[in-house]
N, C-alpha and C. Protein backbone atom coordinates (compact mmCIF):
# COMPACT_ATOMS: atom_id res chain seq x y z
N MET A 1 24.18 -135.79 69.53
CA MET A 1 24.95 -134.06 68.03
C MET A 1 23.54 -133.18 68.92
N ARG A 2 23.71 -132.23 68.78
CA ARG A 2 22.45 -130.74 69.26
C ARG A 2 23.13 -129.69 67.92
N GLN A 3 22.16 -129.61 67.47
CA GLN A 3 21.73 -128.17 66.42
C GLN A 3 22.60 -126.77 66.74
N ILE A 4 23.37 -126.33 66.58
CA ILE A 4 23.66 -125.11 67.17
C ILE A 4 22.85 -123.89 66.55
N ASP A 5 22.39 -123.84 65.09
CA ASP A 5 22.46 -122.57 63.93
C ASP A 5 21.54 -124.00 63.23
N SER A 6 21.20 -122.93 62.13
CA SER A 6 20.51 -123.93 60.57
C SER A 6 21.37 -124.95 60.02
N ASN A 7 22.78 -124.83 60.14
CA ASN A 7 23.97 -125.48 59.10
C ASN A 7 25.08 -125.84 60.18
N TYR A 8 25.05 -125.81 61.69
CA TYR A 8 26.19 -126.21 62.66
C TYR A 8 25.70 -127.67 63.37
N PHE A 9 26.15 -127.97 63.66
CA PHE A 9 25.79 -129.13 65.16
C PHE A 9 26.99 -129.68 65.53
N VAL A 10 26.82 -130.22 66.34
CA VAL A 10 27.74 -130.49 67.63
C VAL A 10 27.75 -132.20 67.96
N ALA A 11 28.73 -132.81 68.42
CA ALA A 11 28.43 -134.14 69.00
C ALA A 11 29.88 -134.41 69.49
N GLY A 12 29.79 -135.25 70.41
CA GLY A 12 30.81 -135.81 71.17
C GLY A 12 31.76 -136.95 69.62
N GLN A 13 33.00 -137.48 70.35
CA GLN A 13 33.47 -138.13 69.42
C GLN A 13 32.78 -138.98 68.38
N ILE A 14 33.23 -139.44 67.35
CA ILE A 14 32.82 -139.94 66.23
C ILE A 14 33.15 -141.19 65.61
N SER A 15 32.62 -141.55 64.88
CA SER A 15 34.03 -143.26 63.97
C SER A 15 33.66 -143.06 62.99
N ALA A 16 34.13 -143.83 62.00
CA ALA A 16 34.38 -143.71 60.91
C ALA A 16 33.36 -144.49 60.57
N GLU A 17 32.79 -145.69 60.99
CA GLU A 17 31.25 -146.26 60.45
C GLU A 17 30.71 -145.38 60.61
N GLN A 18 30.24 -144.20 61.24
CA GLN A 18 29.43 -143.09 61.39
C GLN A 18 29.20 -142.50 60.14
N VAL A 19 30.75 -142.07 59.37
CA VAL A 19 30.03 -141.03 58.68
C VAL A 19 29.26 -140.43 57.23
N ALA A 20 29.61 -142.04 56.59
CA ALA A 20 28.77 -142.64 55.30
C ALA A 20 26.94 -141.89 56.41
N GLU A 21 26.88 -142.54 57.43
CA GLU A 21 25.40 -141.64 58.23
C GLU A 21 25.20 -140.43 57.88
N LEU A 22 25.97 -140.12 57.60
CA LEU A 22 25.86 -137.93 58.47
C LEU A 22 25.82 -137.94 57.32
N LYS A 23 26.62 -138.27 56.17
CA LYS A 23 26.24 -138.10 54.55
C LYS A 23 25.15 -138.52 54.60
N ALA A 24 24.26 -139.33 54.52
CA ALA A 24 22.86 -139.19 54.38
C ALA A 24 22.22 -139.30 55.01
N ALA A 25 22.38 -137.68 56.08
CA ALA A 25 22.12 -137.22 56.97
C ALA A 25 21.67 -135.76 56.02
N GLY A 26 22.28 -135.94 54.82
CA GLY A 26 22.49 -133.90 55.19
C GLY A 26 23.75 -133.06 55.13
N PHE A 27 25.10 -134.15 55.76
CA PHE A 27 26.08 -133.06 55.81
C PHE A 27 27.03 -133.23 54.81
N SER A 28 27.67 -131.78 54.52
CA SER A 28 29.01 -131.76 53.75
C SER A 28 30.59 -131.42 54.56
N ALA A 29 30.51 -131.59 55.70
CA ALA A 29 31.71 -131.01 56.33
C ALA A 29 31.86 -131.73 57.30
N ILE A 30 32.92 -131.92 57.96
CA ILE A 30 32.94 -132.17 59.20
C ILE A 30 34.12 -131.53 59.92
N CYS A 31 34.14 -131.09 60.85
CA CYS A 31 35.12 -130.40 61.88
C CYS A 31 35.71 -131.05 62.79
N CYS A 32 36.74 -131.76 63.38
CA CYS A 32 37.37 -132.77 64.16
C CYS A 32 37.80 -130.96 64.99
N LEU A 33 37.38 -131.60 66.19
CA LEU A 33 38.39 -130.47 66.91
C LEU A 33 39.39 -130.71 68.36
N ARG A 34 39.36 -132.72 67.75
CA ARG A 34 39.97 -132.92 69.30
C ARG A 34 41.30 -133.23 68.50
N PRO A 35 42.14 -133.01 69.73
CA PRO A 35 43.58 -133.41 68.86
C PRO A 35 43.85 -134.98 68.76
N ASP A 36 44.55 -135.50 68.26
CA ASP A 36 44.76 -136.57 67.90
C ASP A 36 45.66 -137.22 69.37
N GLY A 37 44.83 -139.01 69.75
CA GLY A 37 45.72 -139.33 70.87
C GLY A 37 45.42 -138.55 72.13
N GLU A 38 43.94 -137.92 72.18
CA GLU A 38 44.00 -137.61 73.50
C GLU A 38 43.03 -138.19 74.77
N GLY A 39 42.31 -139.44 73.64
CA GLY A 39 41.46 -140.05 74.34
C GLY A 39 41.68 -141.99 74.05
N PHE A 40 41.63 -142.43 75.25
CA PHE A 40 41.55 -143.56 74.88
C PHE A 40 40.75 -144.80 73.75
N GLY A 41 40.97 -144.90 73.34
CA GLY A 41 40.20 -145.56 71.80
C GLY A 41 39.85 -144.84 70.82
N GLN A 42 40.13 -143.32 70.78
CA GLN A 42 40.08 -142.16 69.88
C GLN A 42 40.32 -142.96 68.37
N PRO A 43 39.61 -142.53 67.70
CA PRO A 43 39.84 -143.17 66.52
C PRO A 43 40.93 -141.52 65.08
N ALA A 44 42.44 -142.25 65.27
CA ALA A 44 42.69 -140.62 64.84
C ALA A 44 42.39 -140.22 63.40
N PHE A 45 42.43 -139.24 63.61
CA PHE A 45 41.65 -138.01 62.28
C PHE A 45 42.36 -138.52 61.13
N ALA A 46 43.07 -139.09 60.68
CA ALA A 46 43.32 -139.71 59.40
C ALA A 46 42.40 -141.05 59.05
N GLU A 47 41.96 -141.56 60.04
CA GLU A 47 40.82 -142.65 59.93
C GLU A 47 39.66 -141.60 59.76
N ILE A 48 38.83 -140.80 60.01
CA ILE A 48 37.88 -140.48 59.85
C ILE A 48 38.11 -139.83 58.92
N GLU A 49 39.07 -138.56 58.33
CA GLU A 49 39.66 -137.68 57.18
C GLU A 49 38.76 -139.53 55.67
N ALA A 50 39.37 -140.23 56.73
CA ALA A 50 39.36 -141.14 54.88
C ALA A 50 38.69 -141.97 54.53
N ALA A 51 37.57 -142.07 55.83
CA ALA A 51 36.58 -142.05 55.78
C ALA A 51 34.66 -140.77 55.19
N ALA A 52 35.37 -139.88 55.31
CA ALA A 52 34.75 -138.88 55.05
C ALA A 52 34.99 -138.59 53.45
N LYS A 53 36.47 -138.37 52.85
CA LYS A 53 36.74 -138.45 51.71
C LYS A 53 35.53 -139.34 50.74
N ALA A 54 35.75 -141.14 51.08
CA ALA A 54 35.43 -141.91 50.38
C ALA A 54 33.32 -141.81 50.55
N ALA A 55 33.27 -141.02 51.31
CA ALA A 55 31.50 -140.82 51.51
C ALA A 55 31.06 -139.49 50.86
N GLY A 56 32.64 -138.99 50.39
CA GLY A 56 32.09 -137.24 49.76
C GLY A 56 32.07 -135.77 50.42
N LEU A 57 32.22 -136.16 51.60
CA LEU A 57 32.42 -135.09 52.60
C LEU A 57 33.46 -134.61 53.07
N LYS A 58 33.66 -133.23 53.02
CA LYS A 58 35.01 -132.69 53.55
C LYS A 58 34.94 -133.17 55.07
N ALA A 59 36.64 -132.64 55.43
CA ALA A 59 37.05 -133.06 56.84
C ALA A 59 37.99 -132.46 57.15
N TYR A 60 37.66 -131.39 57.66
CA TYR A 60 38.70 -130.41 58.92
C TYR A 60 39.15 -130.65 59.31
N TYR A 61 40.45 -130.07 59.90
CA TYR A 61 41.08 -130.93 61.38
C TYR A 61 41.44 -129.20 61.89
N LEU A 62 40.76 -129.48 62.90
CA LEU A 62 41.32 -128.07 63.73
C LEU A 62 40.83 -128.27 65.56
N PRO A 63 42.34 -129.11 66.05
CA PRO A 63 42.49 -129.59 67.42
C PRO A 63 42.70 -128.04 68.15
N VAL A 64 41.81 -128.42 68.90
CA VAL A 64 41.47 -127.62 70.56
C VAL A 64 42.22 -128.38 71.50
N SER A 65 43.24 -127.77 72.79
CA SER A 65 42.94 -128.93 73.28
C SER A 65 42.56 -128.39 74.80
N PRO A 66 42.04 -129.15 75.75
CA PRO A 66 41.26 -128.72 76.71
C PRO A 66 41.27 -127.53 77.60
N GLY A 67 41.18 -126.80 77.54
CA GLY A 67 41.68 -124.68 77.75
C GLY A 67 41.87 -123.88 77.07
N SER A 68 42.46 -124.40 76.05
CA SER A 68 42.75 -123.13 75.19
C SER A 68 42.11 -123.31 73.98
N MET A 69 41.44 -122.01 73.67
CA MET A 69 40.85 -122.07 71.82
C MET A 69 41.95 -121.32 71.17
N PRO A 70 42.13 -121.69 70.06
CA PRO A 70 43.56 -120.82 69.03
C PRO A 70 42.17 -120.20 67.91
N MET A 71 42.58 -118.78 68.08
CA MET A 71 41.75 -118.08 67.69
C MET A 71 42.10 -118.35 65.87
N GLN A 72 42.84 -118.75 65.89
CA GLN A 72 43.19 -119.34 64.49
C GLN A 72 42.43 -120.21 63.73
N HIS A 73 41.71 -120.76 64.56
CA HIS A 73 41.25 -122.26 64.42
C HIS A 73 39.59 -121.68 64.32
N ALA A 74 39.25 -120.49 64.98
CA ALA A 74 38.08 -119.91 64.77
C ALA A 74 37.80 -119.27 63.64
N SER A 75 38.60 -118.64 63.04
CA SER A 75 39.14 -117.96 61.71
C SER A 75 38.95 -118.69 61.10
N ARG A 76 39.68 -119.73 61.02
CA ARG A 76 39.29 -120.91 60.17
C ARG A 76 38.12 -121.71 59.94
N LEU A 77 37.33 -122.00 60.99
CA LEU A 77 35.74 -122.38 61.19
C LEU A 77 34.96 -121.05 60.31
N LYS A 78 35.39 -120.03 60.40
CA LYS A 78 33.72 -118.72 60.64
C LYS A 78 34.30 -119.31 58.99
N GLU A 79 35.49 -119.24 57.90
CA GLU A 79 35.36 -119.75 56.77
C GLU A 79 35.32 -120.39 55.89
N ILE A 80 35.33 -121.80 56.80
CA ILE A 80 34.92 -123.40 56.83
C ILE A 80 32.69 -122.98 56.75
N LEU A 81 31.63 -121.64 57.44
CA LEU A 81 30.72 -122.10 57.98
C LEU A 81 30.32 -120.94 56.50
N ARG A 82 31.73 -120.23 56.56
CA ARG A 82 30.98 -119.06 55.36
C ARG A 82 31.27 -120.04 54.11
N GLU A 83 32.16 -120.90 53.48
CA GLU A 83 32.13 -121.83 52.20
C GLU A 83 30.90 -122.91 52.22
N GLU A 84 31.00 -123.84 53.27
CA GLU A 84 30.16 -124.81 52.60
C GLU A 84 28.80 -124.56 52.72
N GLU A 85 27.77 -125.35 52.00
CA GLU A 85 26.41 -124.82 51.56
C GLU A 85 25.85 -125.78 52.89
N GLY A 86 26.16 -127.06 52.63
CA GLY A 86 25.16 -128.61 53.03
C GLY A 86 25.75 -127.96 54.85
N LYS A 87 25.67 -129.21 55.64
CA LYS A 87 25.37 -129.59 56.94
C LYS A 87 26.78 -129.40 57.42
N ILE A 88 27.56 -128.87 58.39
CA ILE A 88 28.39 -129.19 59.22
C ILE A 88 28.63 -129.21 60.52
N LEU A 89 28.70 -130.66 61.49
CA LEU A 89 29.40 -131.80 61.95
C LEU A 89 30.73 -131.27 62.97
N GLY A 90 30.38 -130.62 63.61
CA GLY A 90 31.13 -130.20 65.01
C GLY A 90 31.98 -130.63 65.76
N TYR A 91 32.75 -131.76 66.15
CA TYR A 91 32.35 -132.86 67.31
C TYR A 91 34.67 -132.44 67.86
N CYS A 92 34.31 -133.22 68.81
CA CYS A 92 34.88 -133.05 69.87
C CYS A 92 35.02 -134.45 71.02
N ALA A 93 35.67 -134.19 72.47
CA ALA A 93 34.96 -135.33 73.17
C ALA A 93 33.25 -135.31 73.61
N SER A 94 32.53 -134.15 73.87
CA SER A 94 31.39 -134.21 74.51
C SER A 94 30.63 -133.25 73.30
N GLY A 95 31.34 -132.24 72.32
CA GLY A 95 30.51 -131.08 71.90
C GLY A 95 31.15 -130.15 72.63
N ASN A 96 31.75 -129.90 73.63
CA ASN A 96 31.56 -128.50 74.24
C ASN A 96 32.62 -126.88 73.33
N ARG A 97 34.11 -128.45 73.29
CA ARG A 97 35.55 -127.14 72.54
C ARG A 97 34.35 -127.01 71.08
N ALA A 98 33.91 -128.20 70.79
CA ALA A 98 33.00 -127.78 69.64
C ALA A 98 32.10 -125.88 69.28
N THR A 99 31.07 -126.12 70.65
CA THR A 99 30.50 -125.27 70.59
C THR A 99 30.98 -123.78 70.99
N MET A 100 31.72 -123.70 71.34
CA MET A 100 32.83 -122.78 72.00
C MET A 100 33.52 -122.58 70.83
N LEU A 101 33.65 -123.24 69.87
CA LEU A 101 34.88 -122.33 69.06
C LEU A 101 34.05 -121.76 67.94
N TYR A 102 32.74 -122.44 67.93
CA TYR A 102 31.48 -121.85 66.97
C TYR A 102 31.70 -120.38 67.71
N GLN A 103 31.10 -119.92 68.98
CA GLN A 103 30.92 -118.98 69.69
C GLN A 103 32.47 -117.60 68.96
N LEU A 104 33.30 -118.58 68.96
CA LEU A 104 33.98 -117.54 69.14
C LEU A 104 34.19 -116.97 67.92
N ALA A 105 34.14 -118.41 66.55
CA ALA A 105 34.01 -118.08 65.32
C ALA A 105 33.19 -116.47 64.90
N LYS A 106 31.97 -116.84 65.10
CA LYS A 106 30.66 -116.29 65.15
C LYS A 106 30.86 -114.62 65.70
């Protein structure tokens, strides 16, 4: 996990089991930037979302395919960054798309 600013962090793929740890670490939201079915063994967003809801975290799905950067997702991330008061984790396969989308949002 890498810290990008005071409340935005990026990481590679997370598991549903890690969500409770994120809540304990002070995160209030998770943003999945990885499209479902992109990689072998990748948990579906619905699984991560269910774990987030159970832990009391918000979960957002902003899928970004490699090589594309949808501006509507950058706009939505900008809103999320403004609205959330706690730490936010953006994740994809490696954290690169989560970082790039953040840069566009800013």
